[in-house]
Amino acid sequence: MTKILSEILDKDVNARCEAFMSKIESEMHFDSVLSGDTLDFEWVQIVEDALPYLDNIVRNPKLALITEANVEKIEKAKKTTVETVKDLSRHTFYIDRVDEKTGDVIPSKLLNIRGIDTFNTYENRVAYTLLDKLERFVRQRIEELENFEIKNEKTLEYSGKSNSNAGRFGIEFKINAIEDLQGEGAEKFRKQIEEILPRIEKIKKYMSIWRRSEFCTGLKKERAAFVKPPITKTNVILKNPNFQVAMKLWVYLSKYDMSDAEPEEGVESDGDDIIRDLLNHSFMIDYLTLNCISKKKSEQKENLKKTAGVLITQEIRRIVSLLFKLGIKITDEELLQLFSKEIEAMKNKESIGQKDVKNKFRDAMDEYIERTQDYL
């Protein structure tokens, strides 16, 4: 027997439902990683812009003159200076003998002072360190490209608990979804990678040339130490245009390394109220469904009718509340039209279903009557 909605609305079930919703305590965690977003090609342009300036530093390094003083045998001494004479006067035991005729002093050893050009200056070591940082940085970005897969991975975790006069209830679930991205978006991204690879090869070529340069090989041979931050702002670093660009690149690479150490790939959410309200509502539906289950089919059907009456009021309230929270305006007329349209569509679907059953039954009866005509 068909019933109207007002006949199945149950105040007790609705009250239990309201009490259950008011006592829900829940937690939610959502994590989303779109692998296409984890590759950032901004660095390519930034490095490309810095290449000419770094190249100027490598090709035209500033040399420093240092003096090296060694006490050597007289045979190796090529020239004497004032410092050589002063040192000999302080160290008379270097004197081997004095010529009696001429009075010339003949030493066995002399202080030999040589001037040596070196790349081992603070500014050059800053540039040397930057080139090493850049090489490691580019190598890591290339590895990311080689191991890259275009996919979208999502994880949703939810746990909730509530209680009613019937007892305590809890729920936990975790949903994982991995989608392979296809179509225009994936093809566009692959094309972007193809376009970026020649630019990366150009950067690698520069770094290969720098690695074999006199600047880098000289500092490596002298075992020059890498510079640790903070960088001392010398006049050269502050005023030289090449070093100004180099320092901007240094800052960029340092910030990029920090973001790698604490990845922020994808989206993480632990407290989106709207999403959690939807999940709480689903928890409530599961609770009502659990209460409907019965060994007696007639009793289960009656419980489902009461639940349906409660759900329609709850769904209307939830949907209208959701629309308002999202800033979507809807009039009473629009809402009624929407429900009317869906009700009409459902009636038509059921009507078509009933018509199909009647037609099949009629066809079966006609076929049966036709077969039995011979026996009548």
Foldseek 3Di string as FASTA:
>chain_A
DDDDLVVLADPVVLVQLVQQLVFKDKWKKKFKFQLLVVQDPPVLVLLVVLLVLLVCCLVDPDKDKDKDKDKDFPVPADDDDPVFVVVCVVVVVQFPDADPVPRHTHGGITIHMDIDIASQDQLLLASLLLLVLVVVVLVVSVVCVVPGAGKMKMKMWMKMKGAGPVGIDIDIDMDIDIGRDDDDVVVVSVVVVVVCVVSSVVVVVSSVVSCPGPSNVRCVVVVHDHDDDPRDCDPCCVPPPSNVSSVVSVVVSVVVVVCVVVPPGGDMDIDDPLVVSVVSVVVSVVVLLVVLDDPDPVSSVSSVSNVVSSVVVVVVVSVVVSCVVVVHDDDPVRVVVVVVVVVVVVVVVVVVVVVVVVVVVVVVVVVVCVVCPVVD
